[in-house]
Amino acid sequence: MISNERPSPYGHRPAEGSVPPQKSPVNEETLKADKIQIERKTFIFTLKENPRGRFLRITEDVNGRRDNIIVPATGLAEFTRVLEEMVKAAQAIPPKAT
């Protein structure tokens, strides 16, 4: 077997040049949204709900390039706890001299 013919440990990979099947759109309802600007980055926080449940989508926009993370609502309290710990650490630990 040629090395590039081995099955992927991550499941089926579509052949090069093939178009993956289109996912049907998921009906999402926006419950609340807010936006903050920090330096050159814009963060958009959107609380949404779809048939699978509620979630927080955090979008980072830097000069038109967007990246998202999704936090299920069931994990928001834990997410907040860790974020608060990071804020405390950032304030308590002195920055390194450059």
PDB file of N, CA and C in Angstrom:
ATOM      1  N   MET A   1       0.846  -1.170   0.000  1.00  0.00           N
ATOM      2  CA  MET A   1       0.000   0.000   0.000  1.00  0.00           C
ATOM      3  C   MET A   1       0.894   1.236   0.000  1.00  0.00           C
ATOM      4  N   ILE A   2       0.586   2.208  -0.817  1.00  0.00           N
ATOM      5  CA  ILE A   2       1.309   3.470  -0.857  1.00  0.00           C
ATOM      6  C   ILE A   2       0.857   4.305   0.329  1.00  0.00           C
ATOM      7  N   SER A   3       1.794   5.054   0.929  1.00  0.00           N
ATOM      8  CA  SER A   3       1.490   5.762   2.171  1.00  0.00           C
ATOM      9  C   SER A   3       0.287   6.690   2.052  1.00  0.00           C
ATOM     10  N   ASN A   4       0.105   7.315   0.908  1.00  0.00           N
ATOM     11  CA  ASN A   4      -1.033   8.239   0.791  1.00  0.00           C
ATOM     12  C   ASN A   4      -2.346   7.519   0.529  1.00  0.00           C
ATOM     13  N   GLU A   5      -2.334   6.181   0.459  1.00  0.00           N
ATOM     14  CA  GLU A   5      -3.565   5.420   0.276  1.00  0.00           C
ATOM     15  C   GLU A   5      -4.083   4.847   1.584  1.00  0.00           C
ATOM     16  N   ARG A   6      -3.343   5.066   2.672  1.00  0.00           N
ATOM     17  CA  ARG A   6      -3.788   4.550   3.956  1.00  0.00           C
ATOM     18  C   ARG A   6      -5.045   5.291   4.399  1.00  0.00           C
ATOM     19  N   PRO A   7      -5.917   4.565   5.069  1.00  0.00           N
ATOM     20  CA  PRO A   7      -7.109   5.260   5.583  1.00  0.00           C
ATOM     21  C   PRO A   7      -6.703   6.275   6.647  1.00  0.00           C
ATOM     22  N   SER A   8      -7.374   7.384   6.665  1.00  0.00           N
ATOM     23  CA  SER A   8      -7.097   8.438   7.631  1.00  0.00           C
ATOM     24  C   SER A   8      -7.612   8.012   8.997  1.00  0.00           C
ATOM     25  N   PRO A   9      -6.847   8.267  10.068  1.00  0.00           N
ATOM     26  CA  PRO A   9      -7.366   7.961  11.404  1.00  0.00           C
ATOM     27  C   PRO A   9      -8.504   8.898  11.798  1.00  0.00           C
ATOM     28  N   TYR A  10      -8.736   9.936  11.017  1.00  0.00           N
ATOM     29  CA  TYR A  10      -9.776  10.928  11.319  1.00  0.00           C
ATOM     30  C   TYR A  10     -11.045  10.699  10.515  1.00  0.00           C
ATOM     31  N   GLY A  11     -11.153   9.580   9.863  1.00  0.00           N
ATOM     32  CA  GLY A  11     -12.354   9.291   9.089  1.00  0.00           C
ATOM     33  C   GLY A  11     -12.129   9.508   7.609  1.00  0.00           C
ATOM     34  N   HIS A  12     -13.198   9.455   6.849  1.00  0.00           N
ATOM     35  CA  HIS A  12     -13.150   9.574   5.394  1.00  0.00           C
ATOM     36  C   HIS A  12     -12.773  10.979   4.970  1.00  0.00           C
ATOM     37  N   ARG A  13     -11.791  11.078   4.081  1.00  0.00           N
ATOM     38  CA  ARG A  13     -11.429  12.366   3.484  1.00  0.00           C
ATOM     39  C   ARG A  13     -11.933  12.384   2.057  1.00  0.00           C
ATOM     40  N   PRO A  14     -12.608  13.448   1.643  1.00  0.00           N
ATOM     41  CA  PRO A  14     -13.075  13.503   0.253  1.00  0.00           C
ATOM     42  C   PRO A  14     -11.889  13.602  -0.696  1.00  0.00           C
ATOM     43  N   ALA A  15     -12.057  13.055  -1.878  1.00  0.00           N
ATOM     44  CA  ALA A  15     -11.001  13.111  -2.883  1.00  0.00           C
ATOM     45  C   ALA A  15     -10.712  14.555  -3.249  1.00  0.00           C
ATOM     46  N   GLU A  16      -9.471  14.832  -3.616  1.00  0.00           N
ATOM     47  CA  GLU A  16      -9.104  16.194  -4.000  1.00  0.00           C
ATOM     48  C   GLU A  16      -9.977  16.655  -5.154  1.00  0.00           C
ATOM     49  N   GLY A  17     -10.382  17.894  -5.067  1.00  0.00           N
ATOM     50  CA  GLY A  17     -11.194  18.467  -6.128  1.00  0.00           C
ATOM     51  C   GLY A  17     -12.675  18.179  -5.984  1.00  0.00           C
ATOM     52  N   SER A  18     -13.054  17.269  -5.073  1.00  0.00           N
ATOM     53  CA  SER A  18     -14.476  16.980  -4.915  1.00  0.00           C
ATOM     54  C   SER A  18     -15.110  18.032  -4.011  1.00  0.00           C
ATOM     55  N   VAL A  19     -16.366  18.243  -4.189  1.00  0.00           N
ATOM     56  CA  VAL A  19     -17.100  19.239  -3.405  1.00  0.00           C
ATOM     57  C   VAL A  19     -17.822  18.508  -2.280  1.00  0.00           C
ATOM     58  N   PRO A  20     -17.558  18.901  -1.024  1.00  0.00           N
ATOM     59  CA  PRO A  20     -18.254  18.224   0.072  1.00  0.00           C
ATOM     60  C   PRO A  20     -19.746  18.508   0.012  1.00  0.00           C
ATOM     61  N   PRO A  21     -20.562  17.575   0.511  1.00  0.00           N
ATOM     62  CA  PRO A  21     -22.014  17.809   0.489  1.00  0.00           C
ATOM     63  C   PRO A  21     -22.380  19.013   1.339  1.00  0.00           C
ATOM     64  N   GLN A  22     -23.383  19.750   0.907  1.00  0.00           N
ATOM     65  CA  GLN A  22     -23.835  20.940   1.625  1.00  0.00           C
ATOM     66  C   GLN A  22     -24.610  20.519   2.865  1.00  0.00           C
ATOM     67  N   LYS A  23     -24.299  21.170   3.995  1.00  0.00           N
ATOM     68  CA  LYS A  23     -25.068  20.947   5.209  1.00  0.00           C
ATOM     69  C   LYS A  23     -26.326  21.792   5.129  1.00  0.00           C
ATOM     70  N   SER A  24     -27.427  21.221   5.586  1.00  0.00           N
ATOM     71  CA  SER A  24     -28.651  22.023   5.594  1.00  0.00           C
ATOM     72  C   SER A  24     -28.535  23.061   6.701  1.00  0.00           C
ATOM     73  N   PRO A  25     -29.009  24.277   6.462  1.00  0.00           N
ATOM     74  CA  PRO A  25     -28.880  25.338   7.459  1.00  0.00           C
ATOM     75  C   PRO A  25     -29.642  24.997   8.729  1.00  0.00           C
ATOM     76  N   VAL A  26     -29.040  25.371   9.855  1.00  0.00           N
ATOM     77  CA  VAL A  26     -29.665  25.148  11.152  1.00  0.00           C
ATOM     78  C   VAL A  26     -30.356  26.442  11.562  1.00  0.00           C
ATOM     79  N   ASN A  27     -31.593  26.335  11.969  1.00  0.00           N
ATOM     80  CA  ASN A  27     -32.357  27.500  12.392  1.00  0.00           C
ATOM     81  C   ASN A  27     -31.849  27.949  13.758  1.00  0.00           C
ATOM     82  N   GLU A  28     -31.212  29.121  13.810  1.00  0.00           N
ATOM     83  CA  GLU A  28     -30.677  29.669  15.050  1.00  0.00           C
ATOM     84  C   GLU A  28     -31.379  30.972  15.385  1.00  0.00           C
ATOM     85  N   GLU A  29     -31.745  31.118  16.645  1.00  0.00           N
ATOM     86  CA  GLU A  29     -32.373  32.348  17.108  1.00  0.00           C
ATOM     87  C   GLU A  29     -31.372  33.097  17.983  1.00  0.00           C
ATOM     88  N   THR A  30     -31.166  34.377  17.696  1.00  0.00           N
ATOM     89  CA  THR A  30     -30.288  35.205  18.513  1.00  0.00           C
ATOM     90  C   THR A  30     -31.069  35.711  19.708  1.00  0.00           C
ATOM     91  N   LEU A  31     -30.553  35.423  20.920  1.00  0.00           N
ATOM     92  CA  LEU A  31     -31.208  35.840  22.156  1.00  0.00           C
ATOM     93  C   LEU A  31     -30.629  37.144  22.683  1.00  0.00           C
ATOM     94  N   LYS A  32     -29.318  37.336  22.511  1.00  0.00           N
ATOM     95  CA  LYS A  32     -28.647  38.548  22.977  1.00  0.00           C
ATOM     96  C   LYS A  32     -27.321  38.643  22.238  1.00  0.00           C
ATOM     97  N   ALA A  33     -26.889  39.882  21.970  1.00  0.00           N
ATOM     98  CA  ALA A  33     -25.609  40.094  21.293  1.00  0.00           C
ATOM     99  C   ALA A  33     -24.946  41.345  21.846  1.00  0.00           C
ATOM    100  N   ASP A  34     -23.612  41.326  21.860  1.00  0.00           N
ATOM    101  CA  ASP A  34     -22.844  42.486  22.294  1.00  0.00           C
ATOM    102  C   ASP A  34     -21.493  42.446  21.590  1.00  0.00           C
ATOM    103  N   LYS A  35     -20.857  43.622  21.513  1.00  0.00           N
ATOM    104  CA  LYS A  35     -19.599  43.730  20.793  1.00  0.00           C
ATOM    105  C   LYS A  35     -18.649  44.604  21.587  1.00  0.00           C
ATOM    106  N   ILE A  36     -17.355  44.210  21.599  1.00  0.00           N
ATOM    107  CA  ILE A  36     -16.336  45.043  22.230  1.00  0.00           C
ATOM    108  C   ILE A  36     -15.136  45.149  21.294  1.00  0.00           C
ATOM    109  N   GLN A  37     -14.476  46.291  21.368  1.00  0.00           N
ATOM    110  CA  GLN A  37     -13.279  46.555  20.574  1.00  0.00           C
ATOM    111  C   GLN A  37     -12.092  46.586  21.542  1.00  0.00           C
ATOM    112  N   ILE A  38     -11.081  45.753  21.312  1.00  0.00           N
ATOM    113  CA  ILE A  38      -9.866  45.730  22.117  1.00  0.00           C
ATOM    114  C   ILE A  38      -8.693  45.814  21.155  1.00  0.00           C
ATOM    115  N   GLU A  39      -8.000  46.949  21.224  1.00  0.00           N
ATOM    116  CA  GLU A  39      -6.905  47.235  20.304  1.00  0.00           C
ATOM    117  C   GLU A  39      -7.412  47.093  18.875  1.00  0.00           C
ATOM    118  N   ARG A  40      -6.815  46.230  18.069  1.00  0.00           N
ATOM    119  CA  ARG A  40      -7.240  46.110  16.668  1.00  0.00           C
ATOM    120  C   ARG A  40      -8.234  44.977  16.445  1.00  0.00           C
ATOM    121  N   LYS A  41      -8.707  44.386  17.529  1.00  0.00           N
ATOM    122  CA  LYS A  41      -9.623  43.248  17.430  1.00  0.00           C
ATOM    123  C   LYS A  41     -11.023  43.645  17.877  1.00  0.00           C
ATOM    124  N   THR A  42     -12.007  43.093  17.205  1.00  0.00           N
ATOM    125  CA  THR A  42     -13.396  43.235  17.597  1.00  0.00           C
ATOM    126  C   THR A  42     -13.891  41.865  18.028  1.00  0.00           C
ATOM    127  N   PHE A  43     -14.499  41.799  19.200  1.00  0.00           N
ATOM    128  CA  PHE A  43     -15.077  40.558  19.694  1.00  0.00           C
ATOM    129  C   PHE A  43     -16.583  40.714  19.720  1.00  0.00           C
ATOM    130  N   ILE A  44     -17.279  39.753  19.122  1.00  0.00           N
ATOM    131  CA  ILE A  44     -18.736  39.769  19.069  1.00  0.00           C
ATOM    132  C   ILE A  44     -19.228  38.566  19.871  1.00  0.00           C
ATOM    133  N   PHE A  45     -20.031  38.840  20.885  1.00  0.00           N
ATOM    134  CA  PHE A  45     -20.587  37.792  21.736  1.00  0.00           C
ATOM    135  C   PHE A  45     -22.057  37.652  21.378  1.00  0.00           C
ATOM    136  N   THR A  46     -22.464  36.460  20.978  1.00  0.00           N
ATOM    137  CA  THR A  46     -23.849  36.233  20.571  1.00  0.00           C
ATOM    138  C   THR A  46     -24.393  35.005  21.287  1.00  0.00           C
ATOM    139  N   LEU A  47     -25.402  35.220  22.122  1.00  0.00           N
ATOM    140  CA  LEU A  47     -26.085  34.104  22.762  1.00  0.00           C
ATOM    141  C   LEU A  47     -27.174  33.653  21.804  1.00  0.00           C
ATOM    142  N   LYS A  48     -27.118  32.378  21.427  1.00  0.00           N
ATOM    143  CA  LYS A  48     -28.056  31.851  20.433  1.00  0.00           C
ATOM    144  C   LYS A  48     -28.714  30.587  20.948  1.00  0.00           C
ATOM    145  N   GLU A  49     -29.761  30.197  20.236  1.00  0.00           N
ATOM    146  CA  GLU A  49     -30.455  28.951  20.548  1.00  0.00           C
ATOM    147  C   GLU A  49     -30.844  28.290  19.241  1.00  0.00           C
ATOM    148  N   ASN A  50     -30.661  26.979  19.181  1.00  0.00           N
ATOM    149  CA  ASN A  50     -31.103  26.201  18.029  1.00  0.00           C
ATOM    150  C   ASN A  50     -31.747  24.921  18.570  1.00  0.00           C
ATOM    151  N   PRO A  51     -32.214  24.033  17.721  1.00  0.00           N
ATOM    152  CA  PRO A  51     -32.877  22.819  18.217  1.00  0.00           C
ATOM    153  C   PRO A  51     -32.000  21.965  19.148  1.00  0.00           C
ATOM    154  N   ARG A  52     -30.689  22.118  19.066  1.00  0.00           N
ATOM    155  CA  ARG A  52     -29.795  21.339  19.928  1.00  0.00           C
ATOM    156  C   ARG A  52     -29.556  21.999  21.278  1.00  0.00           C
ATOM    157  N   GLY A  53     -29.935  23.279  21.450  1.00  0.00           N
ATOM    158  CA  GLY A  53     -29.778  23.955  22.730  1.00  0.00           C
ATOM    159  C   GLY A  53     -29.238  25.365  22.585  1.00  0.00           C
ATOM    160  N   ARG A  54     -28.888  25.947  23.730  1.00  0.00           N
ATOM    161  CA  ARG A  54     -28.340  27.308  23.762  1.00  0.00           C
ATOM    162  C   ARG A  54     -26.822  27.254  23.767  1.00  0.00           C
ATOM    163  N   PHE A  55     -26.229  28.322  23.221  1.00  0.00           N
ATOM    164  CA  PHE A  55     -24.775  28.393  23.160  1.00  0.00           C
ATOM    165  C   PHE A  55     -24.338  29.834  22.997  1.00  0.00           C
ATOM    166  N   LEU A  56     -23.100  30.081  23.363  1.00  0.00           N
ATOM    167  CA  LEU A  56     -22.490  31.392  23.166  1.00  0.00           C
ATOM    168  C   LEU A  56     -21.496  31.268  22.020  1.00  0.00           C
ATOM    169  N   ARG A  57     -21.663  32.109  21.021  1.00  0.00           N
ATOM    170  CA  ARG A  57     -20.694  32.173  19.921  1.00  0.00           C
ATOM    171  C   ARG A  57     -19.849  33.416  20.157  1.00  0.00           C
ATOM    172  N   ILE A  58     -18.534  33.227  20.220  1.00  0.00           N
ATOM    173  CA  ILE A  58     -17.605  34.341  20.359  1.00  0.00           C
ATOM    174  C   ILE A  58     -16.859  34.442  19.036  1.00  0.00           C
ATOM    175  N   THR A  59     -17.021  35.578  18.372  1.00  0.00           N
ATOM    176  CA  THR A  59     -16.376  35.809  17.089  1.00  0.00           C
ATOM    177  C   THR A  59     -15.289  36.847  17.273  1.00  0.00           C
ATOM    178  N   GLU A  60     -14.094  36.528  16.791  1.00  0.00           N
ATOM    179  CA  GLU A  60     -12.978  37.470  16.793  1.00  0.00           C
ATOM    180  C   GLU A  60     -12.820  37.959  15.356  1.00  0.00           C
ATOM    181  N   ASP A  61     -12.891  39.256  15.161  1.00  0.00           N
ATOM    182  CA  ASP A  61     -12.736  39.851  13.831  1.00  0.00           C
ATOM    183  C   ASP A  61     -11.495  40.739  13.844  1.00  0.00           C
ATOM    184  N   VAL A  62     -10.538  40.379  13.003  1.00  0.00           N
ATOM    185  CA  VAL A  62      -9.318  41.168  12.861  1.00  0.00           C
ATOM    186  C   VAL A  62      -9.173  41.508  11.381  1.00  0.00           C
ATOM    187  N   ASN A  63      -9.417  42.764  11.062  1.00  0.00           N
ATOM    188  CA  ASN A  63      -9.308  43.229   9.673  1.00  0.00           C
ATOM    189  C   ASN A  63     -10.085  42.348   8.696  1.00  0.00           C
ATOM    190  N   GLY A  64     -11.295  41.958   9.056  1.00  0.00           N
ATOM    191  CA  GLY A  64     -12.145  41.170   8.163  1.00  0.00           C
ATOM    192  C   GLY A  64     -11.953  39.671   8.270  1.00  0.00           C
ATOM    193  N   ARG A  65     -10.918  39.214   8.949  1.00  0.00           N
ATOM    194  CA  ARG A  65     -10.718  37.772   9.141  1.00  0.00           C
ATOM    195  C   ARG A  65     -11.426  37.376  10.424  1.00  0.00           C
ATOM    196  N   ARG A  66     -12.323  36.407  10.327  1.00  0.00           N
ATOM    197  CA  ARG A  66     -13.132  36.017  11.483  1.00  0.00           C
ATOM    198  C   ARG A  66     -12.828  34.590  11.923  1.00  0.00           C
ATOM    199  N   ASP A  67     -12.750  34.427  13.234  1.00  0.00           N
ATOM    200  CA  ASP A  67     -12.626  33.111  13.853  1.00  0.00           C
ATOM    201  C   ASP A  67     -13.692  33.022  14.928  1.00  0.00           C
ATOM    202  N   ASN A  68     -14.258  31.821  15.111  1.00  0.00           N
ATOM    203  CA  ASN A  68     -15.334  31.615  16.071  1.00  0.00           C
ATOM    204  C   ASN A  68     -14.985  30.523  17.061  1.00  0.00           C
ATOM    205  N   ILE A  69     -15.495  30.668  18.275  1.00  0.00           N
ATOM    206  CA  ILE A  69     -15.550  29.547  19.203  1.00  0.00           C
ATOM    207  C   ILE A  69     -16.988  29.476  19.698  1.00  0.00           C
ATOM    208  N   ILE A  70     -17.413  28.270  20.005  1.00  0.00           N
ATOM    209  CA  ILE A  70     -18.762  28.031  20.486  1.00  0.00           C
ATOM    210  C   ILE A  70     -18.650  27.419  21.878  1.00  0.00           C
ATOM    211  N   VAL A  71     -19.366  28.000  22.840  1.00  0.00           N
ATOM    212  CA  VAL A  71     -19.401  27.477  24.198  1.00  0.00           C
ATOM    213  C   VAL A  71     -20.843  27.078  24.491  1.00  0.00           C
ATOM    214  N   PRO A  72     -21.110  25.785  24.701  1.00  0.00           N
ATOM    215  CA  PRO A  72     -22.478  25.388  25.056  1.00  0.00           C
ATOM    216  C   PRO A  72     -22.907  26.082  26.346  1.00  0.00           C
ATOM    217  N   ALA A  73     -24.174  26.441  26.442  1.00  0.00           N
ATOM    218  CA  ALA A  73     -24.678  27.146  27.614  1.00  0.00           C
ATOM    219  C   ALA A  73     -24.436  26.361  28.893  1.00  0.00           C
ATOM    220  N   THR A  74     -24.405  25.048  28.800  1.00  0.00           N
ATOM    221  CA  THR A  74     -24.171  24.217  29.985  1.00  0.00           C
ATOM    222  C   THR A  74     -22.770  24.431  30.552  1.00  0.00           C
ATOM    223  N   GLY A  75     -21.848  24.992  29.769  1.00  0.00           N
ATOM    224  CA  GLY A  75     -20.487  25.217  30.233  1.00  0.00           C
ATOM    225  C   GLY A  75     -20.152  26.669  30.508  1.00  0.00           C
ATOM    226  N   LEU A  76     -21.125  27.566  30.407  1.00  0.00           N
ATOM    227  CA  LEU A  76     -20.835  28.993  30.571  1.00  0.00           C
ATOM    228  C   LEU A  76     -20.360  29.357  31.973  1.00  0.00           C
ATOM    229  N   ALA A  77     -20.904  28.742  33.009  1.00  0.00           N
ATOM    230  CA  ALA A  77     -20.471  29.051  34.371  1.00  0.00           C
ATOM    231  C   ALA A  77     -19.003  28.650  34.560  1.00  0.00           C
ATOM    232  N   GLU A  78     -18.636  27.479  34.086  1.00  0.00           N
ATOM    233  CA  GLU A  78     -17.241  27.022  34.188  1.00  0.00           C
ATOM    234  C   GLU A  78     -16.323  27.893  33.332  1.00  0.00           C
ATOM    235  N   PHE A  79     -16.779  28.270  32.157  1.00  0.00           N
ATOM    236  CA  PHE A  79     -16.019  29.148  31.262  1.00  0.00           C
ATOM    237  C   PHE A  79     -15.757  30.482  31.960  1.00  0.00           C
ATOM    238  N   THR A  80     -16.791  31.031  32.592  1.00  0.00           N
ATOM    239  CA  THR A  80     -16.672  32.298  33.317  1.00  0.00           C
ATOM    240  C   THR A  80     -15.695  32.173  34.484  1.00  0.00           C
ATOM    241  N   ARG A  81     -15.758  31.062  35.201  1.00  0.00           N
ATOM    242  CA  ARG A  81     -14.866  30.839  36.338  1.00  0.00           C
ATOM    243  C   ARG A  81     -13.402  30.861  35.884  1.00  0.00           C
ATOM    244  N   VAL A  82     -13.102  30.139  34.827  1.00  0.00           N
ATOM    245  CA  VAL A  82     -11.724  30.084  34.335  1.00  0.00           C
ATOM    246  C   VAL A  82     -11.290  31.449  33.799  1.00  0.00           C
ATOM    247  N   LEU A  83     -12.178  32.128  33.104  1.00  0.00           N
ATOM    248  CA  LEU A  83     -11.858  33.458  32.586  1.00  0.00           C
ATOM    249  C   LEU A  83     -11.563  34.429  33.727  1.00  0.00           C
ATOM    250  N   GLU A  84     -12.362  34.386  34.787  1.00  0.00           N
ATOM    251  CA  GLU A  84     -12.115  35.247  35.949  1.00  0.00           C
ATOM    252  C   GLU A  84     -10.756  34.938  36.586  1.00  0.00           C
ATOM    253  N   GLU A  85     -10.388  33.654  36.654  1.00  0.00           N
ATOM    254  CA  GLU A  85      -9.082  33.277  37.189  1.00  0.00           C
ATOM    255  C   GLU A  85      -7.958  33.843  36.317  1.00  0.00           C
ATOM    256  N   MET A  86      -8.140  33.843  35.007  1.00  0.00           N
ATOM    257  CA  MET A  86      -7.128  34.375  34.092  1.00  0.00           C
ATOM    258  C   MET A  86      -6.995  35.893  34.259  1.00  0.00           C
ATOM    259  N   VAL A  87      -8.107  36.581  34.473  1.00  0.00           N
ATOM    260  CA  VAL A  87      -8.075  38.031  34.693  1.00  0.00           C
ATOM    261  C   VAL A  87      -7.308  38.335  35.975  1.00  0.00           C
ATOM    262  N   LYS A  88      -7.589  37.598  37.050  1.00  0.00           N
ATOM    263  CA  LYS A  88      -6.872  37.792  38.318  1.00  0.00           C
ATOM    264  C   LYS A  88      -5.380  37.538  38.142  1.00  0.00           C
ATOM    265  N   ALA A  89      -5.025  36.465  37.433  1.00  0.00           N
ATOM    266  CA  ALA A  89      -3.613  36.145  37.203  1.00  0.00           C
ATOM    267  C   ALA A  89      -2.930  37.232  36.375  1.00  0.00           C
ATOM    268  N   ALA A  90      -3.610  37.749  35.355  1.00  0.00           N
ATOM    269  CA  ALA A  90      -3.029  38.803  34.509  1.00  0.00           C
ATOM    270  C   ALA A  90      -2.766  40.068  35.313  1.00  0.00           C
ATOM    271  N   GLN A  91      -3.613  40.327  36.320  1.00  0.00           N
ATOM    272  CA  GLN A  91      -3.425  41.508  37.168  1.00  0.00           C
ATOM    273  C   GLN A  91      -2.372  41.286  38.248  1.00  0.00           C
ATOM    274  N   ALA A  92      -2.237  40.051  38.706  1.00  0.00           N
ATOM    275  CA  ALA A  92      -1.336  39.743  39.823  1.00  0.00           C
ATOM    276  C   ALA A  92       0.099  39.464  39.396  1.00  0.00           C
ATOM    277  N   ILE A  93       0.271  38.872  38.224  1.00  0.00           N
ATOM    278  CA  ILE A  93       1.614  38.506  37.770  1.00  0.00           C
ATOM    279  C   ILE A  93       2.210  39.695  37.027  1.00  0.00           C
ATOM    280  N   PRO A  94       3.366  40.202  37.500  1.00  0.00           N
ATOM    281  CA  PRO A  94       3.951  41.363  36.823  1.00  0.00           C
ATOM    282  C   PRO A  94       4.438  40.983  35.418  1.00  0.00           C
ATOM    283  N   PRO A  95       4.295  41.918  34.463  1.00  0.00           N
ATOM    284  CA  PRO A  95       4.782  41.628  33.091  1.00  0.00           C
ATOM    285  C   PRO A  95       6.305  41.542  33.081  1.00  0.00           C
ATOM    286  N   LYS A  96       6.807  40.715  32.166  1.00  0.00           N
ATOM    287  CA  LYS A  96       8.251  40.579  32.011  1.00  0.00           C
ATOM    288  C   LYS A  96       8.808  41.815  31.318  1.00  0.00           C
ATOM    289  N   ALA A  97       9.975  42.235  31.752  1.00  0.00           N
ATOM    290  CA  ALA A  97      10.619  43.392  31.131  1.00  0.00           C
ATOM    291  C   ALA A  97      11.114  42.995  29.735  1.00  0.00           C
ATOM    292  N   THR A  98      10.931  43.890  28.787  1.00  0.00           N
ATOM    293  CA  THR A  98      11.386  43.611  27.420  1.00  0.00           C
ATOM    294  C   THR A  98      12.592  44.409  27.051  1.00  0.00           C
TER     295      THR A  98
END
